[in-house]
C-alpha atoms as a PDB file:
ATOM      1  CA  UNK A   1       0.000   0.000   0.000  1.00  0.00           C
ATOM      2  CA  UNK A   2       0.970   3.504  -0.556  1.00  0.00           C
ATOM      3  CA  UNK A   3       1.900   5.624   2.372  1.00  0.00           C
ATOM      4  CA  UNK A   4      -0.197   8.680   2.702  1.00  0.00           C
ATOM      5  CA  UNK A   5       1.655  11.895   2.118  1.00  0.00           C
ATOM      6  CA  UNK A   6       1.147  14.514   4.724  1.00  0.00           C
ATOM      7  CA  UNK A   7      -0.916  17.355   3.430  1.00  0.00           C
ATOM      8  CA  UNK A   8      -0.178  20.989   3.951  1.00  0.00           C
ATOM      9  CA  UNK A   9      -2.963  21.266   6.471  1.00  0.00           C
ATOM     10  CA  UNK A  10      -1.710  18.278   8.481  1.00  0.00           C
ATOM     11  CA  UNK A  11       1.702  19.801   8.979  1.00  0.00           C
ATOM     12  CA  UNK A  12       0.161  23.121   9.952  1.00  0.00           C
ATOM     13  CA  UNK A  13      -2.055  21.458  12.527  1.00  0.00           C
ATOM     14  CA  UNK A  14       0.854  19.742  14.181  1.00  0.00           C
ATOM     15  CA  UNK A  15       2.749  23.055  14.371  1.00  0.00           C
ATOM     16  CA  UNK A  16      -0.294  24.669  15.981  1.00  0.00           C
ATOM     17  CA  UNK A  17      -0.526  21.885  18.481  1.00  0.00           C
ATOM     18  CA  UNK A  18       3.137  22.352  19.351  1.00  0.00           C
ATOM     19  CA  UNK A  19       2.603  26.092  19.808  1.00  0.00           C
ATOM     20  CA  UNK A  20      -0.443  25.478  22.014  1.00  0.00           C
ATOM     21  CA  UNK A  21       1.484  22.980  24.106  1.00  0.00           C
ATOM     22  CA  UNK A  22       4.413  25.357  24.561  1.00  0.00           C
ATOM     23  CA  UNK A  23       2.062  28.199  25.508  1.00  0.00           C
ATOM     24  CA  UNK A  24       0.316  26.043  28.085  1.00  0.00           C
ATOM     25  CA  UNK A  25       3.700  25.032  29.502  1.00  0.00           C
ATOM     26  CA  UNK A  26       4.684  28.700  29.734  1.00  0.00           C
ATOM     27  CA  UNK A  27       1.462  29.439  31.594  1.00  0.00           C
ATOM     28  CA  UNK A  28       2.192  26.605  34.036  1.00  0.00           C
ATOM     29  CA  UNK A  29       5.680  27.974  34.647  1.00  0.00           C
ATOM     30  CA  UNK A  30       4.267  31.468  35.254  1.00  0.00           C
ATOM     31  CA  UNK A  31       1.720  30.075  37.710  1.00  0.00           C
ATOM     32  CA  UNK A  32       4.440  28.230  39.591  1.00  0.00           C
ATOM     33  CA  UNK A  33       6.535  31.389  39.754  1.00  0.00           C
ATOM     34  CA  UNK A  34       3.546  33.311  41.053  1.00  0.00           C
ATOM     35  CA  UNK A  35       2.937  30.689  43.690  1.00  0.00           C
ATOM     36  CA  UNK A  36       6.560  30.753  44.760  1.00  0.00           C
ATOM     37  CA  UNK A  37       6.435  34.527  45.170  1.00  0.00           C
ATOM     38  CA  UNK A  38       4.956  35.637  48.475  1.00  0.00           C
ATOM     39  CA  UNK A  39       1.251  36.252  48.503  1.00  0.00           C
ATOM     40  CA  UNK A  40       0.572  40.017  48.352  1.00  0.00           C
ATOM     41  CA  UNK A  41      -2.096  39.633  51.008  1.00  0.00           C
ATOM     42  CA  UNK A  42       0.435  38.021  53.335  1.00  0.00           C
ATOM     43  CA  UNK A  43       2.826  40.929  52.887  1.00  0.00           C
ATOM     44  CA  UNK A  44      -0.014  43.354  53.601  1.00  0.00           C
ATOM     45  CA  UNK A  45      -0.742  41.497  56.827  1.00  0.00           C
ATOM     46  CA  UNK A  46       2.923  41.659  57.794  1.00  0.00           C
ATOM     47  CA  UNK A  47       3.042  45.389  57.096  1.00  0.00           C
ATOM     48  CA  UNK A  48      -0.085  45.887  59.175  1.00  0.00           C
ATOM     49  CA  UNK A  49       1.474  43.967  62.050  1.00  0.00           C
ATOM     50  CA  UNK A  50       4.658  45.998  61.787  1.00  0.00           C
ATOM     51  CA  UNK A  51       2.705  49.249  61.828  1.00  0.00           C
ATOM     52  CA  UNK A  52       0.695  48.201  64.846  1.00  0.00           C
ATOM     53  CA  UNK A  53       2.422  49.234  68.044  1.00  0.00           C
ATOM     54  CA  UNK A  54       3.280  46.625  70.611  1.00  0.00           C
ATOM     55  CA  UNK A  55       0.824  46.670  73.482  1.00  0.00           C
ATOM     56  CA  UNK A  56       2.248  47.197  76.926  1.00  0.00           C
ATOM     57  CA  UNK A  57       1.065  44.477  79.332  1.00  0.00           C
ATOM     58  CA  UNK A  58       1.210  46.967  82.228  1.00  0.00           C
ATOM     59  CA  UNK A  59      -1.269  49.319  80.573  1.00  0.00           C
ATOM     60  CA  UNK A  60      -4.673  49.372  82.306  1.00  0.00           C
ATOM     61  CA  UNK A  61      -7.500  47.592  80.529  1.00  0.00           C
ATOM     62  CA  UNK A  62     -10.454  49.565  79.255  1.00  0.00           C
ATOM     63  CA  UNK A  63     -13.531  49.367  81.476  1.00  0.00           C
ATOM     64  CA  UNK A  64     -16.578  47.310  80.452  1.00  0.00           C
ATOM     65  CA  UNK A  65     -19.685  49.023  79.151  1.00  0.00           C
ATOM     66  CA  UNK A  66     -23.025  48.973  80.969  1.00  0.00           C
ATOM     67  CA  UNK A  67     -24.160  46.077  78.785  1.00  0.00           C
ATOM     68  CA  UNK A  68     -21.194  43.914  79.732  1.00  0.00           C
ATOM     69  CA  UNK A  69     -21.683  44.667  83.413  1.00  0.00           C
ATOM     70  CA  UNK A  70     -25.303  43.578  82.987  1.00  0.00           C
ATOM     71  CA  UNK A  71     -24.154  40.484  81.110  1.00  0.00           C
ATOM     72  CA  UNK A  72     -21.871  39.436  83.994  1.00  0.00           C
ATOM     73  CA  UNK A  73     -24.881  39.225  86.323  1.00  0.00           C
ATOM     74  CA  UNK A  74     -27.248  37.873  83.685  1.00  0.00           C
ATOM     75  CA  UNK A  75     -24.879  35.034  82.791  1.00  0.00           C
ATOM     76  CA  UNK A  76     -25.015  33.690  86.365  1.00  0.00           C
ATOM     77  CA  UNK A  77     -28.801  33.697  86.554  1.00  0.00           C
ATOM     78  CA  UNK A  78     -29.195  32.312  83.029  1.00  0.00           C
ATOM     79  CA  UNK A  79     -26.908  29.359  83.752  1.00  0.00           C
ATOM     80  CA  UNK A  80     -28.834  28.567  86.927  1.00  0.00           C
ATOM     81  CA  UNK A  81     -32.128  28.552  85.037  1.00  0.00           C
ATOM     82  CA  UNK A  82     -30.777  26.724  81.970  1.00  0.00           C
ATOM     83  CA  UNK A  83     -28.056  24.300  83.126  1.00  0.00           C
ATOM     84  CA  UNK A  84     -28.157  22.314  79.857  1.00  0.00           C
ATOM     85  CA  UNK A  85     -27.182  25.271  77.673  1.00  0.00           C
ATOM     86  CA  UNK A  86     -23.412  25.243  77.215  1.00  0.00           C
ATOM     87  CA  UNK A  87     -23.013  27.588  74.230  1.00  0.00           C
ATOM     88  CA  UNK A  88     -21.632  31.063  74.760  1.00  0.00           C
ATOM     89  CA  UNK A  89     -23.552  32.383  71.764  1.00  0.00           C
ATOM     90  CA  UNK A  90     -26.883  31.286  73.219  1.00  0.00           C
ATOM     91  CA  UNK A  91     -26.185  33.053  76.511  1.00  0.00           C
ATOM     92  CA  UNK A  92     -25.039  36.184  74.703  1.00  0.00           C
ATOM     93  CA  UNK A  93     -28.093  36.235  72.464  1.00  0.00           C
ATOM     94  CA  UNK A  94     -30.443  35.781  75.415  1.00  0.00           C
ATOM     95  CA  UNK A  95     -28.595  38.542  77.294  1.00  0.00           C
ATOM     96  CA  UNK A  96     -28.877  40.894  74.328  1.00  0.00           C
ATOM     97  CA  UNK A  97     -32.602  40.241  74.025  1.00  0.00           C
ATOM     98  CA  UNK A  98     -33.088  40.836  77.737  1.00  0.00           C
ATOM     99  CA  UNK A  99     -31.028  44.071  77.596  1.00  0.00           C
ATOM    100  CA  UNK A 100     -33.245  45.398  74.800  1.00  0.00           C
ATOM    101  CA  UNK A 101     -36.353  44.688  76.887  1.00  0.00           C
ATOM    102  CA  UNK A 102     -35.045  46.580  79.943  1.00  0.00           C
ATOM    103  CA  UNK A 103     -36.316  50.088  80.531  1.00  0.00           C
ATOM    104  CA  UNK A 104     -34.030  53.060  81.172  1.00  0.00           C
ATOM    105  CA  UNK A 105     -34.793  52.867  84.890  1.00  0.00           C
ATOM    106  CA  UNK A 106     -33.725  49.207  84.978  1.00  0.00           C
ATOM    107  CA  UNK A 107     -30.519  49.998  83.046  1.00  0.00           C
ATOM    108  CA  UNK A 108     -29.609  52.904  85.358  1.00  0.00           C
ATOM    109  CA  UNK A 109     -27.635  50.888  87.977  1.00  0.00           C
ATOM    110  CA  UNK A 110     -25.513  49.269  85.245  1.00  0.00           C
ATOM    111  CA  UNK A 111     -24.872  52.627  83.624  1.00  0.00           C
ATOM    112  CA  UNK A 112     -23.840  54.065  87.009  1.00  0.00           C
ATOM    113  CA  UNK A 113     -21.415  51.178  87.594  1.00  0.00           C
ATOM    114  CA  UNK A 114     -19.987  51.631  84.121  1.00  0.00           C
ATOM    115  CA  UNK A 115     -19.430  55.351  84.646  1.00  0.00           C
ATOM    116  CA  UNK A 116     -17.713  54.672  87.996  1.00  0.00           C
ATOM    117  CA  UNK A 117     -15.402  52.122  86.368  1.00  0.00           C
ATOM    118  CA  UNK A 118     -14.686  54.623  83.591  1.00  0.00           C
ATOM    119  CA  UNK A 119     -13.630  57.226  86.179  1.00  0.00           C
ATOM    120  CA  UNK A 120     -11.348  54.693  87.884  1.00  0.00           C
ATOM    121  CA  UNK A 121      -9.879  53.754  84.503  1.00  0.00           C
ATOM    122  CA  UNK A 122      -9.184  57.383  83.645  1.00  0.00           C
ATOM    123  CA  UNK A 123      -7.322  57.834  86.948  1.00  0.00           C
ATOM    124  CA  UNK A 124      -5.232  54.699  86.480  1.00  0.00           C
ATOM    125  CA  UNK A 125      -4.527  55.633  82.848  1.00  0.00           C
ATOM    126  CA  UNK A 126      -3.347  59.104  83.877  1.00  0.00           C
ATOM    127  CA  UNK A 127      -1.013  57.520  86.456  1.00  0.00           C
ATOM    128  CA  UNK A 128       0.236  55.055  83.836  1.00  0.00           C
ATOM    129  CA  UNK A 129       0.970  57.825  81.318  1.00  0.00           C
ATOM    130  CA  UNK A 130       2.762  59.871  83.956  1.00  0.00           C
ATOM    131  CA  UNK A 131       4.907  56.865  84.809  1.00  0.00           C
ATOM    132  CA  UNK A 132       5.682  56.325  81.110  1.00  0.00           C
ATOM    133  CA  UNK A 133       6.708  59.964  80.725  1.00  0.00           C
ATOM    134  CA  UNK A 134       9.007  59.680  83.747  1.00  0.00           C
ATOM    135  CA  UNK A 135      10.625  56.537  82.345  1.00  0.00           C
ATOM    136  CA  UNK A 136      11.176  58.184  78.963  1.00  0.00           C
ATOM    137  CA  UNK A 137      12.714  61.189  80.671  1.00  0.00           C
ATOM    138  CA  UNK A 138      15.103  59.035  82.670  1.00  0.00           C
ATOM    139  CA  UNK A 139      15.988  57.031  79.558  1.00  0.00           C
ATOM    140  CA  UNK A 140      16.873  60.248  77.696  1.00  0.00           C
ATOM    141  CA  UNK A 141      18.976  61.419  80.635  1.00  0.00           C
ATOM    142  CA  UNK A 142      20.847  58.122  80.745  1.00  0.00           C
ATOM    143  CA  UNK A 143      21.473  58.344  76.996  1.00  0.00           C
ATOM    144  CA  UNK A 144      22.849  61.843  77.447  1.00  0.00           C
ATOM    145  CA  UNK A 145      25.077  60.755  80.286  1.00  0.00           C
ATOM    146  CA  UNK A 146      26.361  57.815  78.237  1.00  0.00           C
ATOM    147  CA  UNK A 147      27.135  60.161  75.372  1.00  0.00           C
ATOM    148  CA  UNK A 148      28.981  62.503  77.696  1.00  0.00           C
ATOM    149  CA  UNK A 149      31.026  59.615  79.079  1.00  0.00           C
ATOM    150  CA  UNK A 150      31.837  58.384  75.584  1.00  0.00           C
ATOM    151  CA  UNK A 151      32.856  61.900  74.534  1.00  0.00           C
ATOM    152  CA  UNK A 152      35.183  62.146  77.523  1.00  0.00           C
ATOM    153  CA  UNK A 153      36.791  58.797  76.706  1.00  0.00           C
ATOM    154  CA  UNK A 154      37.281  59.742  73.063  1.00  0.00           C
ATOM    155  CA  UNK A 155      38.869  63.059  73.965  1.00  0.00           C
ATOM    156  CA  UNK A 156      41.285  61.262  76.326  1.00  0.00           C
ATOM    157  CA  UNK A 157      42.234  58.815  73.573  1.00  0.00           C
ATOM    158  CA  UNK A 158      42.808  61.681  71.134  1.00  0.00           C
ATOM    159  CA  UNK A 159      45.071  63.385  73.670  1.00  0.00           C
ATOM    160  CA  UNK A 160      47.065  60.167  74.086  1.00  0.00           C
ATOM    161  CA  UNK A 161      47.401  59.857  70.298  1.00  0.00           C
ATOM    162  CA  UNK A 162      48.603  63.444  70.083  1.00  0.00           C
ATOM    163  CA  UNK A 163      51.262  62.791  72.704  1.00  0.00           C
ATOM    164  CA  UNK A 164      52.804  59.991  70.632  1.00  0.00           C
END
């Protein structure tokens, strides 16, 4: 039998297929490179963390609001009445519903407690800031004194070098 000669179109198709295959391989390589490069979202998160100041563990905590003071008491009574409910969300939802039902007169003691805690917080925060300012002042003074000591030592060394 005669062997079939390849037609012009057949050769062109095979070249196209080769081009398609090479393009798809290039795309795969690009994807792999993109995956190997750090995720831009991850770098954004890192930048955000770097920007965020470190929190001082000695800094006073902010006081709870009237709702959270109410929730402290409500949580105890709710757990006594519903011992089978273990979920935090269920207790919080029930507390929120109860808070909405309370009148202004019923909320007044919680608001008073919250305002008292806010006053205490402001006092402790003022004391904390004053202490921080004092520490910064003493740190600057110690830096100055270290610089003065270093300057004195350098001047003595220069004098010794001049004598030689």
